[in-house]
Amino acid sequence: MATTDPRESEPAAPKSILARARTVIARPWIVNTLRILFIAAVLAAVAYTVVSSWKDIRDYLFDLAWQSVLLAFVAAFAGMAANIMAWRSIVTQLDSPVTITTAARITLLGNLAKYLPGSVWSYVAQMELGKRAGIPRARAFIASLIAVGLSTTASLLLGALAIPALAASDEGKPFVPIIIALIPIALTCAHPKILTRLVELFLKIVRKPPLGHAITWRTVNTATAWSAIAYVCFGVHLWLLANAAATPGVEGLFRSIGAFALAMTCGMLVIVVPSGIGVRDAVIATALTPYVGFGTAAGIAVVSRLVFTLADLIAAGAAGASAFTEMRHHRPATKDA
């Protein structure tokens, strides 16, 4: 007489709450709804940034020469392009090469999420955009983390140019020893062997396949160099705005580069503030005060934020239009090398 396995007669175990949640969330209409809500939240946050700052901006904006403002936009776009190249060089090292156009879409569209409270949203957006381009989420996230780390290294090195201005003010003096202490830490973490170990540790924690090869000096140097170029462009952007109100000269240019590099990093580290609002402006104003006075320096810092916000919108709009055009023509987004 045949026997029956008791387990076969048992009813199937009910799905766990987590499994059910994943099934529900995976439904296309829910995914699309969440995407629309996310985009709406980002656009609302950007609009709030502009509207809330307008009262402080308008008194200074119309006093600046339009040529300086236009050139400041150009410098901001140039810095964004350099950041795209930095991110692309890293994701290529992670065995997920993409075209410059695809890298631009991922970084520029994902960058808008920084206007939401909490720095994590920008990474989430870049992961999802990367997945659509054929990059595993974990690799896209790692690329963004490495880019931030090497960008921080570049900002601290260039930030040394602003140390004299910070040391001369009561507000900036406490930050000088912190900056000096962080430089060797950043350089140590940027070493390829240590950076590779950190990446492998992260992949192990999230239970993803190991990288399989070491991150090279070439990748570290290339990404850091592109990040440094980006900060130089952003510093030139700030110097152009300051030059429209005073004559900061060559010394002012160097301090503008250092100040903006530090300001961007400080704003990024304060994760509870959308896009570093207030923090970045304070660092910039402190650095420019010796040349134009605190009131004008604070105004220039806010105008700089407006320029960057509009530049982010324009660049992301262009990237989105490019993606829409490519979808219509069904062109592949990735390449083999």
Protein backbone atom coordinates (compact mmCIF):
# COMPACT_ATOMS: atom_id res chain seq x y z
CA MET A 1 0.00 0.00 0.00
CA ALA A 2 1.41 3.34 -1.04
CA THR A 3 2.12 5.78 1.69
CA THR A 4 1.51 9.46 1.42
CA ASP A 5 3.93 12.02 2.71
CA PRO A 6 2.08 13.88 5.49
CA ARG A 7 3.57 17.16 4.24
CA GLU A 8 1.77 16.73 0.90
CA SER A 9 -1.62 16.77 2.60
CA GLU A 10 -0.84 19.86 4.62
CA PRO A 11 -2.24 23.14 3.31
CA ALA A 12 0.26 25.50 1.76
CA ALA A 13 1.74 27.91 4.23
CA PRO A 14 0.29 31.39 3.88
CA LYS A 15 2.52 34.02 2.34
CA SER A 16 4.37 36.21 4.77
CA ILE A 17 3.32 39.81 5.16
CA LEU A 18 6.59 40.90 3.53
CA ALA A 19 6.03 38.62 0.52
CA ARG A 20 2.48 39.94 0.11
CA ALA A 21 3.72 43.50 0.35
CA ARG A 22 6.30 42.84 -2.35
CA THR A 23 3.64 41.30 -4.59
CA VAL A 24 1.36 44.30 -4.16
CA ILE A 25 4.13 46.87 -4.66
CA ALA A 26 5.33 45.06 -7.79
CA ARG A 27 2.03 45.72 -9.58
CA PRO A 28 2.67 48.06 -12.54
CA TRP A 29 -0.02 50.59 -11.70
CA ILE A 30 1.28 50.96 -8.15
CA VAL A 31 4.87 51.36 -9.38
CA ASN A 32 3.79 54.01 -11.90
CA THR A 33 1.75 55.83 -9.26
CA LEU A 34 4.70 55.89 -6.87
CA ARG A 35 6.93 57.25 -9.64
CA ILE A 36 4.47 60.03 -10.42
CA LEU A 37 4.16 60.94 -6.73
CA PHE A 38 7.95 60.95 -6.36
CA ILE A 39 8.39 63.22 -9.39
CA ALA A 40 5.63 65.53 -8.12
CA ALA A 41 7.31 65.71 -4.69
CA VAL A 42 10.67 66.56 -6.27
CA LEU A 43 9.19 69.32 -8.45
CA ALA A 44 7.27 70.71 -5.48
CA ALA A 45 10.46 70.76 -3.40
CA VAL A 46 12.34 72.58 -6.17
CA ALA A 47 9.52 75.11 -6.55
CA TYR A 48 9.49 75.69 -2.79
CA THR A 49 13.24 76.30 -2.82
CA VAL A 50 12.88 79.01 -5.47
CA VAL A 51 9.76 80.67 -4.06
CA SER A 52 10.97 80.71 -0.45
CA SER A 53 14.26 82.31 -1.47
CA TRP A 54 12.88 84.83 -3.95
CA LYS A 55 12.34 87.63 -1.43
CA ASP A 56 16.02 87.49 -0.46
CA ILE A 57 17.20 87.01 -4.03
CA ARG A 58 15.46 89.76 -5.96
CA ASP A 59 17.17 92.63 -4.11
CA TYR A 60 20.57 91.37 -5.25
CA LEU A 61 19.80 89.61 -8.53
CA PHE A 62 18.74 92.69 -10.47
CA ASP A 63 21.76 94.63 -9.24
CA LEU A 64 24.16 92.12 -10.82
CA ALA A 65 25.36 92.49 -14.40
CA TRP A 66 23.45 90.05 -16.61
CA GLN A 67 26.71 89.06 -18.32
CA SER A 68 28.11 87.82 -15.00
CA VAL A 69 24.93 85.89 -14.22
CA LEU A 70 24.94 84.29 -17.68
CA LEU A 71 28.58 83.25 -17.37
CA ALA A 72 27.82 81.89 -13.88
CA PHE A 73 25.20 79.64 -15.49
CA VAL A 74 27.76 78.43 -18.04
CA ALA A 75 30.27 77.64 -15.27
CA ALA A 76 27.60 75.73 -13.33
CA PHE A 77 26.73 73.63 -16.39
CA ALA A 78 30.43 72.93 -16.98
CA GLY A 79 30.79 71.68 -13.41
CA MET A 80 27.77 69.42 -13.81
CA ALA A 81 29.32 67.93 -16.96
CA ALA A 82 32.52 67.17 -15.05
CA ASN A 83 30.52 65.43 -12.31
CA ILE A 84 28.83 63.28 -14.95
CA MET A 85 32.24 62.18 -16.22
CA ALA A 86 33.38 61.37 -12.68
CA TRP A 87 30.35 59.13 -12.05
CA ARG A 88 30.71 57.45 -15.46
CA SER A 89 34.38 56.62 -14.86
CA ILE A 90 33.43 54.88 -11.61
CA VAL A 91 30.47 52.89 -12.93
CA THR A 92 32.67 51.73 -15.82
CA GLN A 93 35.17 50.34 -13.29
CA LEU A 94 32.26 48.46 -11.69
CA ASP A 95 31.71 46.53 -14.96
CA SER A 96 28.61 48.51 -15.97
CA PRO A 97 29.82 50.83 -18.74
CA VAL A 98 27.33 53.34 -20.12
CA THR A 99 27.42 56.07 -22.70
CA ILE A 100 27.96 59.68 -21.68
CA THR A 101 24.33 60.40 -22.58
CA THR A 102 23.04 57.65 -20.31
CA ALA A 103 25.34 58.72 -17.47
CA ALA A 104 24.02 62.27 -17.86
CA ARG A 105 20.41 61.10 -17.58
CA ILE A 106 21.08 59.05 -14.46
CA THR A 107 23.05 61.75 -12.64
CA LEU A 108 21.08 64.81 -13.73
CA LEU A 109 17.59 63.36 -13.23
CA GLY A 110 18.62 61.67 -9.99
CA ASN A 111 20.23 64.88 -8.81
CA LEU A 112 16.85 66.62 -8.57
CA ALA A 113 15.91 64.34 -5.68
CA LYS A 114 18.44 66.16 -3.47
CA TYR A 115 15.82 68.89 -2.99
CA LEU A 116 13.81 66.46 -0.87
CA PRO A 117 14.70 66.28 2.85
CA GLY A 118 17.28 63.54 3.35
CA SER A 119 20.21 62.88 1.02
CA VAL A 120 19.12 59.28 0.46
CA TRP A 121 16.50 60.17 -2.17
CA SER A 122 19.09 61.16 -4.73
CA TYR A 123 20.72 57.72 -4.39
CA VAL A 124 17.35 55.97 -4.64
CA ALA A 125 16.55 57.86 -7.84
CA GLN A 126 19.93 57.09 -9.37
CA MET A 127 19.56 53.40 -8.50
CA GLU A 128 16.19 53.19 -10.24
CA LEU A 129 17.38 55.15 -13.26
CA GLY A 130 20.50 52.99 -13.40
CA LYS A 131 18.42 49.81 -13.32
CA ARG A 132 16.42 51.03 -16.31
CA ALA A 133 19.74 51.50 -18.12
CA GLY A 134 20.85 47.96 -17.30
CA ILE A 135 22.98 48.72 -14.23
CA PRO A 136 22.29 46.55 -11.15
CA ARG A 137 20.91 48.64 -8.31
CA ALA A 138 23.77 47.74 -5.97
CA ARG A 139 26.38 48.79 -8.56
CA ALA A 140 24.63 52.09 -9.25
CA PHE A 141 24.43 52.80 -5.53
CA ILE A 142 28.10 51.93 -5.02
CA ALA A 143 29.08 54.16 -7.94
CA SER A 144 27.22 57.06 -6.36
CA LEU A 145 28.80 56.42 -2.94
CA ILE A 146 32.31 56.22 -4.42
CA ALA A 147 31.64 59.38 -6.42
CA VAL A 148 30.58 61.18 -3.24
CA GLY A 149 33.63 59.89 -1.37
CA LEU A 150 36.15 60.92 -4.03
CA SER A 151 34.31 64.19 -4.54
CA THR A 152 34.65 64.86 -0.81
CA THR A 153 38.37 64.15 -1.05
CA ALA A 154 38.71 66.65 -3.89
CA SER A 155 36.61 69.23 -2.03
CA LEU A 156 38.73 68.98 1.12
CA LEU A 157 41.96 69.40 -0.86
CA LEU A 158 40.60 72.42 -2.74
CA GLY A 159 38.95 73.65 0.45
CA ALA A 160 42.39 74.37 1.85
CA LEU A 161 42.31 77.46 -0.37
CA ALA A 162 39.50 78.85 1.79
CA ILE A 163 41.10 78.12 5.16
CA PRO A 164 42.59 81.65 5.51
CA ALA A 165 39.15 83.20 5.03
CA LEU A 166 37.53 80.80 7.50
CA ALA A 167 40.31 81.27 10.06
CA ALA A 168 39.86 85.06 9.89
CA SER A 169 36.19 84.90 10.94
CA ASP A 170 34.71 83.91 14.28
CA GLU A 171 32.07 81.77 12.55
CA GLY A 172 34.51 79.86 10.36
CA LYS A 173 37.41 79.43 12.79
CA PRO A 174 35.99 76.32 14.57
CA PHE A 175 35.80 74.47 11.24
CA VAL A 176 39.47 74.89 10.33
CA PRO A 177 40.86 72.09 12.56
CA ILE A 178 38.02 69.80 11.45
CA ILE A 179 38.90 70.34 7.79
CA ILE A 180 42.59 69.76 8.44
CA ALA A 181 41.81 66.55 10.35
CA LEU A 182 39.50 65.20 7.64
CA ILE A 183 42.00 65.58 4.78
CA PRO A 184 44.25 62.61 5.74
CA ILE A 185 41.18 60.47 6.49
CA ALA A 186 39.72 61.21 3.07
CA LEU A 187 43.03 60.50 1.34
CA THR A 188 43.35 57.19 3.19
CA CYS A 189 39.84 56.06 2.22
CA ALA A 190 40.54 57.06 -1.39
CA HIS A 191 43.45 54.61 -1.63
CA PRO A 192 42.41 51.91 -4.16
CA LYS A 193 43.09 48.98 -1.82
CA ILE A 194 41.08 50.45 1.04
CA LEU A 195 38.35 51.66 -1.30
CA THR A 196 38.08 48.17 -2.81
CA ARG A 197 37.74 46.62 0.65
CA LEU A 198 35.01 49.08 1.58
CA VAL A 199 33.11 48.25 -1.62
CA GLU A 200 33.49 44.50 -1.06
CA LEU A 201 32.26 44.91 2.52
CA PHE A 202 29.17 46.75 1.33
CA LEU A 203 28.43 44.09 -1.30
CA LYS A 204 28.76 41.41 1.35
CA ILE A 205 26.38 43.23 3.69
CA VAL A 206 23.70 43.57 0.99
CA ARG A 207 24.36 39.96 -0.16
CA LYS A 208 25.41 40.83 -3.67
CA PRO A 209 28.16 39.20 -5.79
CA PRO A 210 31.66 40.51 -5.03
CA LEU A 211 33.31 43.03 -7.29
CA GLY A 212 35.81 40.46 -8.50
CA HIS A 213 38.67 42.88 -9.11
CA ALA A 214 40.39 45.75 -7.39
CA ILE A 215 39.56 49.38 -8.05
CA THR A 216 42.54 50.87 -9.86
CA TRP A 217 44.58 54.00 -9.31
CA ARG A 218 43.48 55.11 -12.76
CA THR A 219 39.82 55.08 -11.74
CA VAL A 220 40.49 56.89 -8.46
CA ASN A 221 42.67 59.52 -10.12
CA THR A 222 40.27 60.02 -13.03
CA ALA A 223 37.17 60.39 -10.86
CA THR A 224 38.95 62.65 -8.36
CA ALA A 225 40.33 64.80 -11.17
CA TRP A 226 36.89 65.21 -12.74
CA SER A 227 35.45 66.10 -9.32
CA ALA A 228 38.19 68.68 -8.80
CA ILE A 229 37.43 70.17 -12.22
CA ALA A 230 33.77 70.37 -11.23
CA TYR A 231 34.60 72.28 -8.05
CA VAL A 232 36.89 74.64 -9.95
CA CYS A 233 34.00 75.40 -12.33
CA PHE A 234 31.63 75.94 -9.42
CA GLY A 235 34.19 78.21 -7.77
CA VAL A 236 34.49 80.22 -10.97
CA HIS A 237 30.68 80.47 -10.97
CA LEU A 238 30.80 81.99 -7.48
CA TRP A 239 33.69 84.29 -8.34
CA LEU A 240 31.78 85.63 -11.37
CA LEU A 241 28.84 86.55 -9.15
CA ALA A 242 31.15 88.17 -6.60
CA ASN A 243 32.97 90.00 -9.39
CA ALA A 244 29.68 91.57 -10.42
CA ALA A 245 29.45 93.26 -7.00
CA ALA A 246 33.12 93.92 -6.21
CA THR A 247 36.65 93.17 -7.42
CA PRO A 248 37.79 90.03 -5.55
CA GLY A 249 40.75 89.53 -7.90
CA VAL A 250 42.85 86.37 -8.26
CA GLU A 251 42.97 85.78 -4.51
CA GLY A 252 39.19 85.95 -4.45
CA LEU A 253 39.06 83.36 -7.25
CA PHE A 254 41.12 80.87 -5.25
CA ARG A 255 39.05 81.46 -2.14
CA SER A 256 35.83 81.13 -4.13
CA ILE A 257 36.96 77.73 -5.42
CA GLY A 258 37.91 76.55 -1.94
CA ALA A 259 34.80 77.98 -0.31
CA PHE A 260 32.40 76.44 -2.81
CA ALA A 261 34.11 73.06 -2.56
CA LEU A 262 33.73 73.07 1.23
CA ALA A 263 30.22 74.51 1.05
CA MET A 264 28.97 71.74 -1.24
CA THR A 265 30.42 69.04 1.00
CA CYS A 266 29.07 70.61 4.21
CA GLY A 267 25.63 70.94 2.64
CA MET A 268 25.69 67.31 1.54
CA LEU A 269 26.71 66.02 4.97
CA VAL A 270 23.81 67.76 6.71
CA ILE A 271 21.34 65.16 5.42
CA VAL A 272 18.23 66.56 7.13
CA VAL A 273 18.37 69.78 5.10
CA PRO A 274 17.20 69.65 1.46
CA SER A 275 20.15 70.36 -0.84
CA GLY A 276 22.13 71.81 2.06
CA ILE A 277 19.96 74.93 2.27
CA GLY A 278 21.43 77.41 4.74
CA VAL A 279 24.59 75.42 5.45
CA ARG A 280 26.12 75.94 2.01
CA ASP A 281 25.06 79.57 1.98
CA ALA A 282 26.70 80.24 5.37
CA VAL A 283 30.07 78.85 4.25
CA ILE A 284 29.99 80.85 1.02
CA ALA A 285 28.97 84.07 2.78
CA THR A 286 31.78 83.66 5.32
CA ALA A 287 34.37 83.26 2.57
CA LEU A 288 33.14 86.24 0.51
CA THR A 289 32.65 88.65 3.42
CA PRO A 290 36.24 90.05 3.31
CA TYR A 291 35.63 91.25 -0.27
CA VAL A 292 32.03 92.45 -0.40
CA GLY A 293 30.79 92.66 3.20
CA PHE A 294 28.54 90.13 4.91
CA GLY A 295 25.21 91.49 3.63
CA THR A 296 26.23 91.39 -0.02
CA ALA A 297 28.03 88.06 0.48
CA ALA A 298 24.87 86.50 1.90
CA GLY A 299 22.89 87.85 -1.05
CA ILE A 300 25.38 86.42 -3.55
CA ALA A 301 25.20 83.03 -1.80
CA VAL A 302 21.42 82.98 -2.23
CA VAL A 303 21.67 84.09 -5.88
CA SER A 304 24.17 81.28 -6.42
CA ARG A 305 21.63 78.82 -5.06
CA LEU A 306 18.98 80.13 -7.46
CA VAL A 307 21.37 79.77 -10.40
CA PHE A 308 22.12 76.18 -9.41
CA THR A 309 18.47 75.33 -8.88
CA LEU A 310 17.54 76.63 -12.32
CA ALA A 311 20.58 74.92 -13.85
CA ASP A 312 19.52 71.63 -12.23
CA LEU A 313 16.03 72.01 -13.70
CA ILE A 314 17.29 72.91 -17.17
CA ALA A 315 19.85 70.09 -17.24
CA ALA A 316 17.37 67.52 -15.93
CA GLY A 317 14.78 68.72 -18.43
CA ALA A 318 17.25 68.27 -21.28
CA ALA A 319 18.18 64.81 -19.99
CA GLY A 320 14.52 63.83 -19.71
CA ALA A 321 13.78 65.09 -23.22
CA SER A 322 16.72 63.09 -24.54
CA ALA A 323 15.46 59.94 -22.80
CA PHE A 324 11.97 60.46 -24.22
CA THR A 325 13.36 60.89 -27.73
CA GLU A 326 15.46 57.73 -27.38
CA MET A 327 12.47 55.73 -26.15
CA ARG A 328 10.55 56.76 -29.25
CA HIS A 329 13.35 55.57 -31.50
CA HIS A 330 14.12 52.43 -29.42
CA ARG A 331 17.85 53.05 -29.30
CA PRO A 332 19.94 51.04 -26.78
CA ALA A 333 21.17 52.97 -23.77
CA THR A 334 24.29 50.92 -22.91
CA LYS A 335 27.39 49.90 -24.76
CA ASP A 336 29.87 47.04 -24.52
CA ALA A 337 32.93 49.08 -23.61
